N, C-alpha and C. Protein backbone atom coordinates (compact mmCIF):
# COMPACT_ATOMS: atom_id res chain seq x y z
N MET A 1 -74.72 57.39 -100.37
CA MET A 1 -74.66 56.77 -101.69
C MET A 1 -75.30 57.70 -102.71
N ILE A 2 -74.59 57.95 -103.79
CA ILE A 2 -75.12 58.72 -104.92
C ILE A 2 -75.54 57.73 -105.98
N ARG A 3 -76.70 57.96 -106.57
CA ARG A 3 -77.24 57.03 -107.58
C ARG A 3 -77.42 57.75 -108.92
N VAL A 4 -76.90 57.11 -109.98
CA VAL A 4 -76.92 57.69 -111.33
C VAL A 4 -77.68 56.74 -112.25
N LEU A 5 -78.62 57.29 -113.02
CA LEU A 5 -79.37 56.51 -114.00
C LEU A 5 -79.20 57.15 -115.38
N PHE A 6 -78.70 56.37 -116.34
CA PHE A 6 -78.59 56.80 -117.73
C PHE A 6 -79.79 56.25 -118.49
N VAL A 7 -80.36 57.07 -119.38
CA VAL A 7 -81.57 56.66 -120.09
C VAL A 7 -81.45 56.98 -121.58
N CYS A 8 -81.74 55.96 -122.40
CA CYS A 8 -81.88 56.15 -123.84
C CYS A 8 -83.21 55.50 -124.25
N LEU A 9 -83.38 55.21 -125.51
CA LEU A 9 -84.67 54.67 -125.97
C LEU A 9 -84.86 53.21 -125.59
N GLY A 10 -83.96 52.34 -126.05
CA GLY A 10 -84.14 50.91 -125.84
C GLY A 10 -83.26 50.29 -124.77
N ASN A 11 -82.30 51.05 -124.26
CA ASN A 11 -81.36 50.57 -123.23
C ASN A 11 -80.49 49.43 -123.75
N ILE A 12 -80.11 49.51 -125.04
CA ILE A 12 -79.19 48.50 -125.58
C ILE A 12 -77.96 49.10 -126.25
N CYS A 13 -77.91 50.42 -126.41
CA CYS A 13 -76.74 51.04 -127.05
C CYS A 13 -76.12 52.12 -126.16
N ARG A 14 -76.74 53.28 -126.12
CA ARG A 14 -76.12 54.43 -125.46
C ARG A 14 -76.10 54.34 -123.94
N SER A 15 -77.25 54.07 -123.33
CA SER A 15 -77.28 54.09 -121.86
C SER A 15 -76.46 52.96 -121.23
N PRO A 16 -76.45 51.72 -121.78
CA PRO A 16 -75.56 50.73 -121.17
C PRO A 16 -74.08 51.06 -121.40
N THR A 17 -73.78 51.73 -122.52
CA THR A 17 -72.40 52.16 -122.75
C THR A 17 -71.99 53.16 -121.68
N ALA A 18 -72.85 54.15 -121.42
CA ALA A 18 -72.56 55.14 -120.38
C ALA A 18 -72.46 54.47 -119.00
N HIS A 19 -73.32 53.52 -118.75
CA HIS A 19 -73.33 52.76 -117.50
C HIS A 19 -71.95 52.11 -117.29
N GLY A 20 -71.48 51.39 -118.31
CA GLY A 20 -70.19 50.71 -118.21
C GLY A 20 -69.02 51.66 -118.11
N VAL A 21 -69.03 52.73 -118.90
CA VAL A 21 -67.94 53.71 -118.85
C VAL A 21 -67.86 54.34 -117.47
N LEU A 22 -69.01 54.77 -116.94
CA LEU A 22 -68.98 55.42 -115.62
C LEU A 22 -68.51 54.46 -114.54
N LEU A 23 -68.96 53.21 -114.59
CA LEU A 23 -68.49 52.24 -113.58
C LEU A 23 -66.97 52.14 -113.60
N GLY A 24 -66.38 52.07 -114.78
CA GLY A 24 -64.92 52.00 -114.89
C GLY A 24 -64.24 53.24 -114.36
N ARG A 25 -64.79 54.40 -114.69
CA ARG A 25 -64.20 55.66 -114.22
C ARG A 25 -64.31 55.79 -112.70
N LEU A 26 -65.43 55.35 -112.15
CA LEU A 26 -65.60 55.41 -110.70
C LEU A 26 -64.59 54.52 -110.00
N GLU A 27 -64.33 53.36 -110.58
CA GLU A 27 -63.32 52.45 -110.02
C GLU A 27 -61.96 53.13 -110.02
N GLU A 28 -61.60 53.76 -111.14
CA GLU A 28 -60.32 54.47 -111.25
C GLU A 28 -60.21 55.59 -110.22
N GLU A 29 -61.32 56.26 -109.95
CA GLU A 29 -61.34 57.40 -109.02
C GLU A 29 -61.50 56.98 -107.56
N GLY A 30 -61.67 55.69 -107.31
CA GLY A 30 -61.89 55.23 -105.95
C GLY A 30 -63.27 55.56 -105.41
N LEU A 31 -64.24 55.72 -106.30
CA LEU A 31 -65.59 56.11 -105.89
C LEU A 31 -66.63 54.99 -106.06
N SER A 32 -66.18 53.81 -106.42
CA SER A 32 -67.14 52.75 -106.76
C SER A 32 -68.02 52.32 -105.59
N THR A 33 -67.58 52.54 -104.37
CA THR A 33 -68.41 52.17 -103.22
C THR A 33 -69.35 53.30 -102.80
N GLN A 34 -69.18 54.48 -103.43
CA GLN A 34 -70.00 55.64 -103.05
C GLN A 34 -71.03 56.02 -104.10
N VAL A 35 -70.94 55.38 -105.27
CA VAL A 35 -71.84 55.73 -106.37
C VAL A 35 -72.41 54.46 -106.98
N GLN A 36 -73.72 54.41 -107.11
CA GLN A 36 -74.41 53.30 -107.76
C GLN A 36 -74.84 53.76 -109.15
N VAL A 37 -74.66 52.89 -110.15
CA VAL A 37 -74.98 53.24 -111.53
C VAL A 37 -75.97 52.24 -112.11
N ASP A 38 -76.92 52.73 -112.89
CA ASP A 38 -77.87 51.87 -113.58
C ASP A 38 -78.19 52.53 -114.92
N SER A 39 -78.90 51.81 -115.76
CA SER A 39 -79.34 52.34 -117.04
C SER A 39 -80.71 51.77 -117.35
N ALA A 40 -81.45 52.50 -118.18
CA ALA A 40 -82.81 52.09 -118.54
C ALA A 40 -83.18 52.72 -119.88
N GLY A 41 -84.29 52.25 -120.42
CA GLY A 41 -84.82 52.80 -121.66
C GLY A 41 -86.20 53.36 -121.44
N THR A 42 -86.59 54.31 -122.26
CA THR A 42 -87.95 54.83 -122.17
C THR A 42 -88.94 53.87 -122.81
N ALA A 43 -88.47 53.00 -123.70
CA ALA A 43 -89.32 52.01 -124.36
C ALA A 43 -89.04 50.63 -123.76
N GLU A 44 -90.00 49.73 -123.91
CA GLU A 44 -89.86 48.40 -123.30
C GLU A 44 -89.43 47.31 -124.28
N TRP A 45 -89.16 47.67 -125.53
CA TRP A 45 -88.93 46.69 -126.59
C TRP A 45 -87.84 45.67 -126.28
N HIS A 46 -86.78 46.08 -125.60
CA HIS A 46 -85.62 45.21 -125.42
C HIS A 46 -85.45 44.72 -123.98
N THR A 47 -86.48 44.86 -123.16
CA THR A 47 -86.38 44.48 -121.75
C THR A 47 -85.81 43.06 -121.62
N GLY A 48 -84.80 42.95 -120.78
CA GLY A 48 -84.16 41.66 -120.51
C GLY A 48 -83.04 41.30 -121.46
N LYS A 49 -82.85 42.07 -122.52
CA LYS A 49 -81.82 41.76 -123.52
C LYS A 49 -80.48 42.39 -123.16
N ALA A 50 -79.41 41.77 -123.64
CA ALA A 50 -78.06 42.29 -123.48
C ALA A 50 -77.87 43.49 -124.41
N PRO A 51 -76.87 44.31 -124.15
CA PRO A 51 -76.58 45.42 -125.06
C PRO A 51 -76.29 44.92 -126.48
N ASP A 52 -76.57 45.78 -127.45
CA ASP A 52 -76.31 45.50 -128.85
C ASP A 52 -74.86 45.00 -129.00
N PRO A 53 -74.63 43.95 -129.78
CA PRO A 53 -73.27 43.42 -129.96
C PRO A 53 -72.27 44.47 -130.44
N ARG A 54 -72.73 45.42 -131.25
CA ARG A 54 -71.83 46.48 -131.71
C ARG A 54 -71.44 47.42 -130.58
N SER A 55 -72.35 47.69 -129.66
CA SER A 55 -72.02 48.49 -128.48
C SER A 55 -71.04 47.73 -127.60
N GLN A 56 -71.29 46.45 -127.43
CA GLN A 56 -70.38 45.64 -126.63
C GLN A 56 -68.98 45.63 -127.24
N ALA A 57 -68.89 45.48 -128.55
CA ALA A 57 -67.58 45.41 -129.22
C ALA A 57 -66.85 46.74 -129.10
N ALA A 58 -67.54 47.85 -129.34
CA ALA A 58 -66.91 49.17 -129.25
C ALA A 58 -66.43 49.44 -127.82
N ALA A 59 -67.27 49.12 -126.84
CA ALA A 59 -66.89 49.32 -125.45
C ALA A 59 -65.71 48.41 -125.09
N ASN A 60 -65.77 47.17 -125.51
CA ASN A 60 -64.69 46.22 -125.22
C ASN A 60 -63.36 46.70 -125.78
N ASP A 61 -63.39 47.33 -126.97
CA ASP A 61 -62.17 47.87 -127.57
C ASP A 61 -61.52 48.93 -126.68
N ARG A 62 -62.30 49.51 -125.79
CA ARG A 62 -61.77 50.53 -124.86
C ARG A 62 -61.67 50.00 -123.44
N GLY A 63 -61.75 48.69 -123.30
CA GLY A 63 -61.57 48.08 -121.99
C GLY A 63 -62.79 48.11 -121.09
N VAL A 64 -63.96 48.29 -121.67
CA VAL A 64 -65.21 48.37 -120.90
C VAL A 64 -66.08 47.17 -121.25
N ASP A 65 -66.42 46.36 -120.26
CA ASP A 65 -67.26 45.18 -120.48
C ASP A 65 -68.68 45.49 -120.05
N ILE A 66 -69.59 45.53 -121.03
CA ILE A 66 -71.00 45.79 -120.73
C ILE A 66 -71.86 44.56 -121.01
N SER A 67 -71.22 43.43 -121.26
CA SER A 67 -71.94 42.22 -121.67
C SER A 67 -72.91 41.70 -120.61
N GLY A 68 -72.67 41.98 -119.35
CA GLY A 68 -73.53 41.48 -118.28
C GLY A 68 -74.75 42.34 -118.00
N LEU A 69 -74.84 43.50 -118.63
CA LEU A 69 -75.98 44.39 -118.40
C LEU A 69 -77.22 43.88 -119.14
N ARG A 70 -78.38 44.16 -118.62
CA ARG A 70 -79.64 43.77 -119.24
C ARG A 70 -80.58 44.97 -119.28
N ALA A 71 -81.29 45.10 -120.40
CA ALA A 71 -82.17 46.25 -120.60
C ALA A 71 -83.38 46.19 -119.66
N ARG A 72 -83.80 47.36 -119.25
CA ARG A 72 -85.03 47.52 -118.48
C ARG A 72 -85.66 48.84 -118.87
N GLN A 73 -86.92 48.99 -118.55
CA GLN A 73 -87.63 50.23 -118.84
C GLN A 73 -87.62 51.12 -117.60
N VAL A 74 -87.44 52.40 -117.82
CA VAL A 74 -87.49 53.36 -116.72
C VAL A 74 -88.89 53.34 -116.12
N ASN A 75 -88.99 53.62 -114.81
CA ASN A 75 -90.30 53.65 -114.16
C ASN A 75 -90.39 54.82 -113.19
N GLU A 76 -91.58 55.08 -112.71
CA GLU A 76 -91.80 56.22 -111.83
C GLU A 76 -90.97 56.17 -110.55
N ASP A 77 -90.74 54.98 -110.02
CA ASP A 77 -89.94 54.85 -108.80
C ASP A 77 -88.52 55.38 -108.99
N ASP A 78 -88.00 55.26 -110.21
CA ASP A 78 -86.63 55.72 -110.48
C ASP A 78 -86.45 57.19 -110.11
N PHE A 79 -87.49 57.98 -110.24
CA PHE A 79 -87.40 59.41 -109.98
C PHE A 79 -87.26 59.72 -108.50
N HIS A 80 -87.51 58.73 -107.66
CA HIS A 80 -87.38 58.90 -106.22
C HIS A 80 -86.20 58.11 -105.66
N ILE A 81 -85.51 57.38 -106.51
CA ILE A 81 -84.36 56.57 -106.10
C ILE A 81 -83.05 57.22 -106.54
N PHE A 82 -83.02 57.75 -107.77
CA PHE A 82 -81.77 58.23 -108.35
C PHE A 82 -81.57 59.72 -108.13
N ASP A 83 -80.30 60.11 -107.92
CA ASP A 83 -79.92 61.50 -107.73
C ASP A 83 -79.66 62.20 -109.06
N TYR A 84 -79.25 61.43 -110.05
CA TYR A 84 -79.02 61.92 -111.41
C TYR A 84 -79.83 61.03 -112.35
N ILE A 85 -80.66 61.64 -113.18
CA ILE A 85 -81.36 60.93 -114.26
C ILE A 85 -80.94 61.64 -115.54
N LEU A 86 -80.15 60.93 -116.36
CA LEU A 86 -79.45 61.56 -117.48
C LEU A 86 -79.91 60.99 -118.81
N ALA A 87 -80.58 61.82 -119.58
CA ALA A 87 -81.10 61.42 -120.88
C ALA A 87 -80.03 61.59 -121.95
N MET A 88 -80.03 60.68 -122.91
CA MET A 88 -79.05 60.72 -123.98
C MET A 88 -79.42 61.69 -125.10
N ASP A 89 -80.71 61.96 -125.27
CA ASP A 89 -81.13 62.89 -126.32
C ASP A 89 -82.41 63.62 -125.90
N ARG A 90 -82.78 64.59 -126.72
CA ARG A 90 -83.93 65.44 -126.39
C ARG A 90 -85.25 64.66 -126.37
N SER A 91 -85.39 63.69 -127.25
CA SER A 91 -86.63 62.91 -127.29
C SER A 91 -86.82 62.14 -125.99
N ASN A 92 -85.78 61.47 -125.53
CA ASN A 92 -85.88 60.73 -124.27
C ASN A 92 -85.99 61.68 -123.09
N PHE A 93 -85.34 62.83 -123.17
CA PHE A 93 -85.48 63.84 -122.13
C PHE A 93 -86.94 64.27 -122.01
N SER A 94 -87.58 64.49 -123.15
CA SER A 94 -89.00 64.89 -123.16
C SER A 94 -89.87 63.81 -122.52
N ASP A 95 -89.60 62.55 -122.85
CA ASP A 95 -90.36 61.44 -122.25
C ASP A 95 -90.14 61.39 -120.74
N LEU A 96 -88.91 61.62 -120.30
CA LEU A 96 -88.61 61.61 -118.87
C LEU A 96 -89.29 62.79 -118.16
N MET A 97 -89.32 63.94 -118.82
CA MET A 97 -89.97 65.10 -118.21
C MET A 97 -91.47 64.86 -118.01
N GLU A 98 -92.10 64.13 -118.90
CA GLU A 98 -93.52 63.80 -118.72
C GLU A 98 -93.72 63.00 -117.43
N ILE A 99 -92.83 62.04 -117.19
CA ILE A 99 -92.92 61.25 -115.95
C ILE A 99 -92.63 62.15 -114.74
N TYR A 100 -91.59 62.96 -114.86
CA TYR A 100 -91.20 63.85 -113.76
C TYR A 100 -92.35 64.79 -113.38
N GLU A 101 -93.03 65.34 -114.38
CA GLU A 101 -94.12 66.27 -114.11
C GLU A 101 -95.29 65.59 -113.39
N ARG A 102 -95.45 64.29 -113.58
CA ARG A 102 -96.50 63.53 -112.88
C ARG A 102 -96.07 63.13 -111.47
N THR A 103 -94.80 62.78 -111.32
CA THR A 103 -94.36 62.13 -110.08
C THR A 103 -93.46 62.97 -109.20
N GLY A 104 -92.84 64.01 -109.76
CA GLY A 104 -91.85 64.76 -108.99
C GLY A 104 -90.59 63.93 -108.83
N GLY A 105 -89.81 64.25 -107.82
CA GLY A 105 -88.55 63.54 -107.60
C GLY A 105 -87.39 64.25 -108.26
N THR A 106 -86.49 63.47 -108.81
CA THR A 106 -85.29 64.03 -109.44
C THR A 106 -85.61 64.54 -110.84
N ARG A 107 -85.23 65.77 -111.10
CA ARG A 107 -85.45 66.37 -112.42
C ARG A 107 -84.39 65.83 -113.40
N PRO A 108 -84.82 65.29 -114.52
CA PRO A 108 -83.87 64.76 -115.51
C PRO A 108 -83.02 65.88 -116.11
N LYS A 109 -81.85 65.47 -116.61
CA LYS A 109 -80.96 66.38 -117.33
C LYS A 109 -80.57 65.73 -118.64
N LEU A 110 -80.22 66.57 -119.61
CA LEU A 110 -79.66 66.11 -120.86
C LEU A 110 -78.16 65.89 -120.61
N PHE A 111 -77.72 64.64 -120.68
CA PHE A 111 -76.38 64.24 -120.25
C PHE A 111 -75.26 65.11 -120.84
N LEU A 112 -75.18 65.21 -122.16
CA LEU A 112 -74.09 65.97 -122.77
C LEU A 112 -74.19 67.45 -122.46
N ARG A 113 -75.38 67.97 -122.49
CA ARG A 113 -75.55 69.40 -122.21
C ARG A 113 -75.11 69.74 -120.79
N ALA A 114 -75.41 68.86 -119.85
CA ALA A 114 -75.08 69.11 -118.45
C ALA A 114 -73.61 68.86 -118.13
N PHE A 115 -73.00 67.86 -118.76
CA PHE A 115 -71.67 67.44 -118.32
C PHE A 115 -70.61 67.35 -119.40
N GLY A 116 -70.99 67.49 -120.66
CA GLY A 116 -70.01 67.43 -121.74
C GLY A 116 -69.06 68.60 -121.67
N ARG A 117 -67.82 68.37 -122.10
CA ARG A 117 -66.80 69.40 -122.00
C ARG A 117 -66.12 69.72 -123.32
N SER A 118 -65.92 68.74 -124.16
CA SER A 118 -65.03 68.90 -125.31
C SER A 118 -65.73 68.89 -126.67
N PHE A 119 -67.01 68.66 -126.71
CA PHE A 119 -67.73 68.56 -127.98
C PHE A 119 -68.82 69.62 -128.02
N ASP A 120 -69.16 70.04 -129.24
CA ASP A 120 -70.23 71.02 -129.42
C ASP A 120 -71.62 70.37 -129.41
N GLU A 121 -71.67 69.07 -129.42
CA GLU A 121 -72.95 68.36 -129.47
C GLU A 121 -73.64 68.39 -128.11
N HIS A 122 -74.96 68.38 -128.12
CA HIS A 122 -75.73 68.39 -126.87
C HIS A 122 -76.50 67.09 -126.67
N GLU A 123 -76.44 66.20 -127.65
CA GLU A 123 -77.13 64.92 -127.56
C GLU A 123 -76.17 63.80 -127.96
N VAL A 124 -76.35 62.63 -127.37
CA VAL A 124 -75.62 61.44 -127.80
C VAL A 124 -76.47 60.81 -128.90
N PRO A 125 -75.98 60.80 -130.14
CA PRO A 125 -76.79 60.27 -131.24
C PRO A 125 -76.97 58.76 -131.12
N ASP A 126 -78.11 58.29 -131.59
CA ASP A 126 -78.39 56.85 -131.57
C ASP A 126 -77.61 56.18 -132.70
N PRO A 127 -76.67 55.28 -132.37
CA PRO A 127 -75.85 54.65 -133.40
C PRO A 127 -76.49 53.41 -134.01
N TYR A 128 -77.68 53.04 -133.58
CA TYR A 128 -78.29 51.75 -133.92
C TYR A 128 -78.35 51.48 -135.42
N TYR A 129 -78.70 52.49 -136.22
CA TYR A 129 -78.87 52.27 -137.65
C TYR A 129 -77.63 52.65 -138.47
N GLY A 130 -76.54 52.95 -137.80
CA GLY A 130 -75.32 53.33 -138.49
C GLY A 130 -74.25 52.27 -138.40
N GLY A 131 -73.05 52.65 -138.75
CA GLY A 131 -71.91 51.74 -138.75
C GLY A 131 -71.09 51.83 -137.48
N GLU A 132 -69.96 51.14 -137.49
CA GLU A 132 -69.08 51.07 -136.32
C GLU A 132 -68.58 52.43 -135.87
N ALA A 133 -68.35 53.34 -136.82
CA ALA A 133 -67.86 54.68 -136.47
C ALA A 133 -68.83 55.38 -135.52
N GLY A 134 -70.12 55.17 -135.70
CA GLY A 134 -71.11 55.78 -134.82
C GLY A 134 -70.99 55.30 -133.39
N PHE A 135 -70.70 54.04 -133.22
CA PHE A 135 -70.54 53.48 -131.87
C PHE A 135 -69.27 54.03 -131.20
N ARG A 136 -68.22 54.22 -131.99
CA ARG A 136 -66.99 54.82 -131.44
C ARG A 136 -67.22 56.28 -131.06
N HIS A 137 -67.98 56.99 -131.90
CA HIS A 137 -68.28 58.40 -131.59
C HIS A 137 -69.11 58.51 -130.31
N VAL A 138 -70.07 57.62 -130.15
CA VAL A 138 -70.86 57.58 -128.92
C VAL A 138 -69.94 57.42 -127.71
N LEU A 139 -68.98 56.55 -127.82
CA LEU A 139 -68.03 56.36 -126.71
C LEU A 139 -67.22 57.63 -126.45
N ASP A 140 -66.78 58.31 -127.50
CA ASP A 140 -66.04 59.56 -127.31
C ASP A 140 -66.87 60.56 -126.52
N LEU A 141 -68.13 60.74 -126.92
CA LEU A 141 -69.01 61.68 -126.25
C LEU A 141 -69.27 61.28 -124.80
N ILE A 142 -69.53 60.01 -124.59
CA ILE A 142 -69.85 59.51 -123.24
C ILE A 142 -68.63 59.61 -122.32
N GLU A 143 -67.46 59.25 -122.82
CA GLU A 143 -66.26 59.35 -121.97
C GLU A 143 -66.03 60.79 -121.53
N ASP A 144 -66.19 61.73 -122.45
CA ASP A 144 -66.02 63.14 -122.13
C ASP A 144 -67.03 63.60 -121.08
N ALA A 145 -68.30 63.28 -121.29
CA ALA A 145 -69.34 63.70 -120.35
C ALA A 145 -69.21 63.00 -118.99
N CYS A 146 -68.74 61.76 -118.99
CA CYS A 146 -68.52 61.06 -117.71
C CYS A 146 -67.45 61.78 -116.89
N ASP A 147 -66.44 62.35 -117.54
CA ASP A 147 -65.44 63.12 -116.80
C ASP A 147 -66.08 64.32 -116.12
N GLY A 148 -66.97 65.01 -116.84
CA GLY A 148 -67.68 66.13 -116.23
C GLY A 148 -68.61 65.69 -115.11
N LEU A 149 -69.26 64.56 -115.30
CA LEU A 149 -70.15 64.02 -114.26
C LEU A 149 -69.35 63.65 -113.01
N ILE A 150 -68.21 63.03 -113.19
CA ILE A 150 -67.39 62.66 -112.03
C ILE A 150 -66.92 63.90 -111.27
N ALA A 151 -66.58 64.96 -111.98
CA ALA A 151 -66.21 66.21 -111.32
C ALA A 151 -67.38 66.72 -110.47
N ASP A 152 -68.59 66.63 -111.00
CA ASP A 152 -69.79 67.05 -110.26
C ASP A 152 -70.02 66.15 -109.05
N ILE A 153 -69.82 64.86 -109.22
CA ILE A 153 -69.99 63.92 -108.10
C ILE A 153 -68.96 64.23 -107.00
N HIS A 154 -67.73 64.53 -107.38
CA HIS A 154 -66.71 64.91 -106.40
C HIS A 154 -67.16 66.13 -105.59
N GLN A 155 -67.72 67.13 -106.27
CA GLN A 155 -68.23 68.32 -105.57
C GLN A 155 -69.37 67.97 -104.63
N THR A 156 -70.27 67.11 -105.09
CA THR A 156 -71.39 66.69 -104.24
C THR A 156 -70.89 65.97 -102.99
N LEU A 157 -69.94 65.06 -103.18
CA LEU A 157 -69.41 64.32 -102.03
C LEU A 157 -68.64 65.22 -101.07
N ALA A 158 -68.07 66.30 -101.60
CA ALA A 158 -67.34 67.24 -100.75
C ALA A 158 -68.28 68.23 -100.08
N GLY A 159 -69.59 68.14 -100.41
CA GLY A 159 -70.57 69.01 -99.78
C GLY A 159 -70.69 70.37 -100.42
N LYS A 160 -70.19 70.50 -101.66
CA LYS A 160 -70.28 71.79 -102.37
C LYS A 160 -71.45 71.72 -103.33
N PRO A 161 -72.11 72.87 -103.56
CA PRO A 161 -73.26 72.88 -104.48
C PRO A 161 -72.83 72.67 -105.93
């Protein structure tokens, strides 16, 4: 079993969107029984809450239902459970690296930088304070990077570095 954890600040916009997109892509690829997906936030503000309604609406427009997900805060155990820990931006990456340096385990990566293919951006911007276009752009970036991530997962499952 391969385990993937997406991380943003509050776990109500970007990381649950990536969580839902990857689950759908894994289903399409026939990998849903081989890969476990979760999402978390570096902050605890929204623990237990559903994704932002605007994230849900944007995802739903693309056939992705994230309404059942609930926010949680990342913890030290995650670094010993997950094979991929993927930060949405540099700030959250920095917070994850602080935990990693204390606990070891899986080294976090910047999601777009590691797996993005079609965009020049290296971070998934936080759409929380913007309009609907920002949520659609987040989906564009996440869908592209999920394709790169799935290619990497295929290589891992095939036993290639």
